[in-house]
Protein backbone atom coordinates (compact mmCIF):
# COMPACT_ATOMS: atom_id res chain seq x y z
CA MET A 1 0.00 0.00 0.00
CA TYR A 2 2.86 2.38 0.78
CA LYS A 3 5.52 0.90 -1.49
CA ASP A 4 5.48 3.94 -3.77
CA ILE A 5 6.36 6.35 -0.96
CA ILE A 6 8.72 4.17 1.12
CA ASP A 7 10.89 2.24 -1.33
CA GLY A 8 14.20 3.97 -1.96
CA LYS A 9 13.58 6.66 0.68
CA THR A 10 15.61 7.60 3.75
CA ILE A 11 13.57 7.92 6.94
CA LEU A 12 14.73 9.34 10.27
CA ILE A 13 12.93 8.60 13.54
CA THR A 14 13.60 10.72 16.60
CA GLY A 15 13.31 8.71 19.80
CA GLY A 16 13.61 5.69 17.55
CA THR A 17 14.61 3.17 20.23
CA GLY A 18 11.19 3.41 21.90
CA SER A 19 8.29 1.00 21.45
CA PHE A 20 6.94 2.91 18.46
CA GLY A 21 10.32 3.20 16.75
CA LYS A 22 11.07 -0.49 17.02
CA CYS A 23 7.64 -1.43 15.70
CA PHE A 24 7.95 1.10 12.86
CA VAL A 25 11.36 -0.25 11.82
CA LYS A 26 10.17 -3.87 11.93
CA TYR A 27 6.99 -3.10 9.99
CA VAL A 28 8.69 -1.06 7.28
CA LEU A 29 11.69 -3.35 6.77
CA GLU A 30 9.53 -6.48 6.56
CA LYS A 31 7.09 -5.00 4.04
CA TYR A 32 9.04 -2.43 2.02
CA ASN A 33 12.49 -1.53 0.75
CA PRO A 34 13.60 1.85 2.12
CA LYS A 35 17.07 3.08 1.24
CA LYS A 36 17.87 3.68 4.91
CA ILE A 37 16.25 4.19 8.32
CA ILE A 38 18.10 6.43 10.79
CA ILE A 39 17.49 5.98 14.52
CA TYR A 40 18.15 9.28 16.30
CA SER A 41 18.11 9.01 20.10
CA ARG A 42 20.11 9.64 23.28
CA ASP A 43 20.65 6.22 24.81
CA GLU A 44 23.66 4.33 23.40
CA PHE A 45 22.72 1.12 25.25
CA LYS A 46 19.22 1.05 23.76
CA GLN A 47 20.76 1.67 20.34
CA PHE A 48 23.21 -1.20 20.90
CA ASN A 49 20.36 -3.56 21.85
CA MET A 50 18.22 -2.43 18.92
CA ALA A 51 21.11 -2.92 16.48
CA ASN A 52 21.46 -6.49 17.74
CA ASP A 53 17.72 -7.12 17.47
CA PHE A 54 17.75 -5.99 13.83
CA LYS A 55 21.09 -7.53 12.87
CA LYS A 56 19.78 -8.96 9.60
CA TYR A 57 18.81 -5.45 8.48
CA GLU A 58 22.08 -3.79 9.48
CA ASP A 59 22.75 -2.56 5.93
CA LYS A 60 19.50 -0.54 6.11
CA LEU A 61 19.90 0.92 9.61
CA ARG A 62 21.99 3.81 10.91
CA PHE A 63 22.20 4.91 14.54
CA PHE A 64 22.83 8.53 15.53
CA ILE A 65 23.48 9.45 19.16
CA GLY A 66 21.82 12.82 19.64
CA ASP A 67 19.20 14.82 21.50
CA VAL A 68 16.32 16.75 19.96
CA ARG A 69 17.51 19.64 22.15
CA ASP A 70 20.69 19.83 20.04
CA LEU A 71 19.87 21.69 16.83
CA GLU A 72 23.32 21.45 15.27
CA ARG A 73 23.45 17.69 15.76
CA MET A 74 20.02 17.37 14.17
CA ARG A 75 21.07 19.43 11.17
CA ARG A 76 23.89 16.96 10.61
CA ALA A 77 21.61 13.94 11.06
CA PHE A 78 18.94 15.31 8.70
CA LYS A 79 21.27 15.52 5.68
CA GLY A 80 19.91 13.38 2.86
CA VAL A 81 16.72 12.48 4.77
CA ASP A 82 13.40 12.31 2.90
CA TYR A 83 10.97 11.80 5.81
CA VAL A 84 11.16 12.56 9.52
CA VAL A 85 8.95 10.84 12.09
CA HIS A 86 9.15 12.76 15.36
CA ALA A 87 8.52 10.35 18.24
CA ALA A 88 10.94 11.70 20.86
CA ALA A 89 9.29 13.16 23.97
CA LEU A 90 9.21 13.10 27.73
CA LYS A 91 5.92 11.27 28.27
CA GLN A 92 5.53 10.31 31.92
CA VAL A 93 2.94 12.64 33.47
CA PRO A 94 4.36 12.68 37.05
CA SER A 95 7.91 13.14 35.78
CA CYS A 96 6.89 16.10 33.62
CA GLU A 97 5.02 17.67 36.53
CA TYR A 98 8.08 17.37 38.77
CA ASN A 99 10.56 18.44 36.06
CA PRO A 100 8.63 21.03 34.03
CA ASN A 101 11.66 22.79 32.57
CA GLU A 102 13.01 19.51 31.22
CA ALA A 103 9.65 18.64 29.66
CA ILE A 104 9.55 22.03 27.96
CA LYS A 105 13.13 21.66 26.66
CA THR A 106 12.41 18.28 25.07
CA ASN A 107 8.77 18.51 24.05
CA ILE A 108 8.62 22.15 22.95
CA HIS A 109 12.18 23.27 22.21
CA GLY A 110 12.85 19.85 20.70
CA ALA A 111 9.87 20.25 18.38
CA MET A 112 11.18 23.66 17.33
CA ASN A 113 14.56 22.10 16.55
CA VAL A 114 12.99 19.34 14.44
CA ILE A 115 11.20 22.04 12.46
CA GLU A 116 14.34 24.16 12.03
CA ALA A 117 16.50 21.21 10.99
CA SER A 118 13.85 20.08 8.49
CA LEU A 119 13.58 23.55 6.96
CA ASP A 120 17.37 23.72 6.64
CA SER A 121 17.62 20.31 4.95
CA ASP A 122 16.01 18.59 1.97
CA VAL A 123 13.36 16.81 4.04
CA LYS A 124 10.07 16.29 2.17
CA LYS A 125 7.65 15.38 4.96
CA VAL A 126 7.59 15.51 8.73
CA VAL A 127 5.02 13.60 10.80
CA ALA A 128 4.91 14.34 14.53
CA LEU A 129 3.37 11.95 17.06
CA SER A 130 0.82 13.56 19.37
CA THR A 131 -1.38 12.28 22.20
CA ASP A 132 -4.92 12.55 23.52
CA LYS A 133 -3.40 14.43 26.47
CA ALA A 134 -2.76 17.38 24.15
CA VAL A 135 -6.55 17.78 23.84
CA ASN A 136 -7.93 20.05 26.57
CA PRO A 137 -4.74 19.39 28.60
CA VAL A 138 -4.94 19.02 32.37
CA ASN A 139 -1.24 18.28 32.96
CA LEU A 140 2.08 19.72 31.83
CA TYR A 141 2.84 16.85 29.48
CA GLY A 142 -0.42 17.49 27.64
CA GLY A 143 0.30 21.23 27.62
CA THR A 144 3.71 20.75 26.04
CA LYS A 145 2.31 18.40 23.40
CA LEU A 146 -0.45 20.89 22.58
CA VAL A 147 2.20 23.54 21.95
CA SER A 148 4.21 21.03 19.91
CA ASP A 149 1.18 20.22 17.74
CA LYS A 150 0.56 23.91 17.10
CA LEU A 151 4.22 24.42 16.19
CA PHE A 152 4.15 21.65 13.59
CA VAL A 153 0.95 22.95 12.01
CA ALA A 154 2.29 26.51 11.92
CA ALA A 155 5.62 25.32 10.49
CA ASN A 156 3.90 25.00 7.11
CA SER A 157 3.97 28.80 6.92
CA TYR A 158 7.77 28.70 6.51
CA VAL A 159 8.15 26.23 3.64
CA GLY A 160 7.53 28.76 0.87
CA ALA A 161 7.46 27.15 -2.55
CA GLY A 162 9.23 24.03 -1.33
CA ASP A 163 7.81 20.51 -1.13
CA LEU A 164 8.15 20.17 2.62
CA SER A 165 5.01 19.56 4.69
CA PHE A 166 4.40 19.09 8.41
CA SER A 167 1.51 17.06 9.85
CA VAL A 168 0.48 15.37 13.10
CA VAL A 169 -0.93 11.97 14.11
CA ARG A 170 -2.80 11.64 17.40
CA TYR A 171 -3.61 8.60 19.50
CA GLY A 172 -3.77 7.66 23.19
CA ASN A 173 -1.86 5.11 25.23
CA VAL A 174 -0.86 2.17 23.07
CA ALA A 175 -2.16 -1.15 24.38
CA GLY A 176 0.57 -2.87 26.35
CA SER A 177 3.07 -0.04 26.01
CA ARG A 178 5.50 0.79 28.79
CA GLY A 179 3.78 2.70 31.59
CA SER A 180 0.24 1.79 30.51
CA VAL A 181 -2.30 -0.05 32.66
CA ILE A 182 -2.02 -3.47 30.96
CA PRO A 183 1.59 -4.28 32.00
CA PHE A 184 0.78 -2.83 35.44
CA PHE A 185 -2.13 -5.25 35.89
CA GLU A 186 -0.02 -8.10 34.48
CA LYS A 187 2.70 -7.43 37.05
CA LEU A 188 0.19 -7.58 39.90
CA ILE A 189 -1.28 -10.81 38.52
CA GLN A 190 2.17 -12.40 38.24
CA GLU A 191 2.76 -11.46 41.88
CA GLY A 192 -0.31 -13.47 42.82
CA LYS A 193 -2.63 -10.55 43.60
CA THR A 194 -6.37 -11.25 43.44
CA GLU A 195 -7.42 -7.60 43.71
CA LEU A 196 -6.79 -5.00 41.00
CA PRO A 197 -6.85 -1.26 41.73
CA ILE A 198 -9.22 0.79 39.55
CA THR A 199 -8.78 4.56 39.66
CA ASP A 200 -12.44 5.13 38.75
CA TYR A 201 -15.09 2.56 37.83
CA ARG A 202 -16.37 4.88 35.07
CA MET A 203 -13.02 5.19 33.31
CA THR A 204 -12.73 4.35 29.60
CA ARG A 205 -9.87 4.29 27.10
CA PHE A 206 -9.33 3.81 23.38
CA TRP A 207 -7.58 0.63 22.22
CA ILE A 208 -4.87 1.05 19.61
CA SER A 209 -2.01 -1.33 18.87
CA LEU A 210 1.52 -0.30 17.94
CA THR A 211 0.96 -1.64 14.43
CA GLU A 212 -2.15 0.53 14.02
CA GLY A 213 -0.10 3.51 15.20
CA VAL A 214 2.57 2.78 12.60
CA GLU A 215 -0.04 2.44 9.85
CA LEU A 216 -1.51 5.83 10.79
CA VAL A 217 1.93 7.43 10.43
CA LEU A 218 2.40 5.84 7.01
CA LYS A 219 -1.02 7.12 5.96
CA ALA A 220 0.03 10.63 7.00
CA LEU A 221 3.32 10.31 5.10
CA LYS A 222 1.40 9.37 1.97
CA GLU A 223 -1.59 11.72 2.16
CA ALA A 224 -0.63 14.81 4.15
CA LYS A 225 -0.50 18.14 2.33
CA GLY A 226 0.38 20.13 5.43
CA GLY A 227 -1.19 20.95 8.79
CA GLU A 228 -3.53 17.97 9.13
CA THR A 229 -4.03 15.96 12.31
CA PHE A 230 -4.76 12.29 11.57
CA ILE A 231 -6.77 10.26 14.12
CA SER A 232 -7.64 6.55 13.81
CA LYS A 233 -11.18 5.29 14.35
CA ILE A 234 -10.66 2.67 17.05
CA PRO A 235 -12.76 0.90 19.68
CA SER A 236 -13.16 1.88 23.34
CA PHE A 237 -13.09 -0.30 26.42
CA LYS A 238 -13.97 0.05 30.07
CA ILE A 239 -11.12 -0.28 32.57
CA THR A 240 -13.34 -2.59 34.65
CA ASP A 241 -13.79 -4.86 31.61
CA LEU A 242 -10.02 -4.92 31.11
CA ALA A 243 -9.60 -6.08 34.71
CA LYS A 244 -12.20 -8.84 34.18
CA ALA A 245 -10.46 -9.95 30.98
CA MET A 246 -7.03 -10.14 32.61
CA LEU A 247 -8.14 -11.67 35.93
CA PRO A 248 -11.65 -13.17 35.84
CA GLU A 249 -13.51 -13.04 39.16
CA CYS A 250 -11.00 -10.54 40.50
CA ASP A 251 -11.88 -8.06 43.21
CA MET A 252 -11.69 -4.42 42.17
CA LEU A 253 -10.75 -1.61 44.51
CA GLU A 254 -11.58 1.93 43.45
CA VAL A 255 -8.56 3.99 44.52
CA GLY A 256 -9.39 7.41 43.07
CA ILE A 257 -8.28 9.21 39.94
CA ARG A 258 -4.61 10.21 39.80
CA GLU A 259 -3.29 13.73 39.38
CA GLY A 260 -3.38 14.80 35.75
CA GLU A 261 -5.57 11.85 34.73
CA LYS A 262 -8.86 12.02 32.81
CA LEU A 263 -11.93 9.79 32.96
CA HIS A 264 -12.03 9.49 29.17
CA GLU A 265 -9.63 10.00 26.28
CA VAL A 266 -10.68 12.73 23.85
CA MET A 267 -9.21 12.94 20.35
CA VAL A 268 -11.48 15.52 18.71
CA THR A 269 -13.13 18.39 20.58
CA ALA A 270 -16.28 20.31 19.71
CA GLU A 271 -14.00 23.24 18.85
CA ASP A 272 -12.20 21.04 16.27
CA ALA A 273 -15.47 19.88 14.71
CA PRO A 274 -15.83 22.69 12.13
CA THR A 275 -12.68 21.50 10.33
CA THR A 276 -12.93 17.76 11.07
CA TYR A 277 -13.86 15.22 8.38
CA GLU A 278 -14.67 11.55 8.78
CA TYR A 279 -13.24 8.84 6.53
CA ASP A 280 -13.70 5.07 6.50
CA LYS A 281 -11.05 4.29 9.12
CA HIS A 282 -9.93 7.67 10.40
CA PHE A 283 -10.68 11.33 11.04
CA ILE A 284 -8.68 14.29 9.82
CA VAL A 285 -8.69 17.63 11.61
CA TYR A 286 -7.73 20.12 8.92
CA PRO A 287 -5.91 23.33 9.88
CA GLN A 288 -8.03 26.39 10.59
CA MET A 289 -5.37 28.70 9.19
CA ILE A 290 -4.06 28.15 5.64
CA PHE A 291 -0.42 29.12 5.18
CA ASN A 292 0.28 28.04 1.59
CA ASP A 293 -1.53 26.95 -1.56
CA ARG A 294 -0.79 23.26 -1.00
CA MET A 295 -2.81 23.35 2.23
CA LYS A 296 -5.91 24.50 0.31
CA THR A 297 -7.18 20.93 -0.07
CA VAL A 298 -10.79 19.94 -0.70
CA PRO A 299 -11.59 17.18 1.83
CA THR A 300 -13.14 14.08 0.31
CA GLY A 301 -14.52 12.81 3.61
CA LYS A 302 -17.78 13.54 5.38
CA LYS A 303 -17.85 16.67 7.52
CA VAL A 304 -18.69 15.81 11.13
CA SER A 305 -21.75 17.35 12.75
CA GLU A 306 -21.64 20.58 14.71
CA GLY A 307 -20.45 19.96 18.27
CA PHE A 308 -19.01 16.53 17.40
CA VAL A 309 -16.65 15.08 20.01
CA TYR A 310 -14.59 11.93 19.56
CA SER A 311 -14.26 10.53 23.07
CA SER A 312 -13.62 7.05 24.43
CA GLY A 313 -16.65 7.57 26.67
CA THR A 314 -19.13 8.22 23.85
CA ASN A 315 -17.59 6.10 21.09
CA ASP A 316 -19.87 3.90 18.98
CA MET A 317 -17.36 1.00 18.91
CA TRP A 318 -16.77 -0.99 22.11
CA LEU A 319 -14.73 -4.03 23.08
CA SER A 320 -16.42 -6.71 25.17
CA VAL A 321 -14.54 -8.66 27.83
CA GLU A 322 -14.11 -11.48 25.32
CA ASP A 323 -12.83 -9.06 22.67
CA ILE A 324 -10.25 -7.74 25.13
CA LYS A 325 -9.12 -11.28 25.99
CA ASN A 326 -8.48 -11.98 22.31
CA ARG A 327 -6.54 -8.76 21.83
CA LEU A 328 -4.43 -9.39 24.92
CA LYS A 329 -3.09 -12.54 23.23
CA GLU A 330 -1.31 -10.29 20.71
CA ILE A 331 0.66 -8.44 23.41
CA ASP A 332 4.15 -9.62 24.28
CA PHE A 333 4.63 -8.89 28.00
């Protein structure tokens, strides 16, 4: 499906040793024939381990030690790159609250550096990973990602007559990813616990796999003209149903919502609705401000209704306990 845009191209992933980066590399190298994939990240040990994991693809992979805070290093790394996927970020909510300056340096200043390095190189497309926490943010992490999203949309105003475009993809916690509730529950179960803590019995979340996240990024690389925010149409689940699926007949203890946590994940707000269009498997929030002629696209999707909100709490697709059990089988703990 994406052979025409991936084959022969050089792709750079910031924060590429994370869960998304590893899944992206595996997916792309198994299905397509890129010229090269560059992993740009800070941790030499993670790069060493990843290089070993992908030994059979070593002729296609390059590893750059570098930080998104370092503009000059990024300018060097971006030479000859066709596409940039920006996945680097400080993501842990409590850590960002306790270290706000560091979150701002990575999530905001880092985004600015990705934009500057792309503008100064021959990059053709940049896709930045966002999060549901950037929507009506209630914590610093969400606030920094909201600013980052706005920066990437506005960056299209600087490309002039060039081919470069910037776009965003948005999704919530990936099922089974580090720091999410599934591995937390699994750890308790392995320890022999029969009671699982539930922050709020009403809580819901969207379910998206790493592979679905990768496919959304590839869709953005292929279709984006500049300034769009791509959002997958995915099912919701109740946290209580997740607990039942992972430990049938378990006791559940409501422990109270954590600081900076929401009852439901929201991907599209009522304020976004006027420029949001629905497609078969995704939504696109088009930019409200048009900075160049290429952004003047005519959406082919269906315009959502006035006041539309895409929330895990009001979604029309839901996973049953049995559905969750089946999906859990695909997660490698």
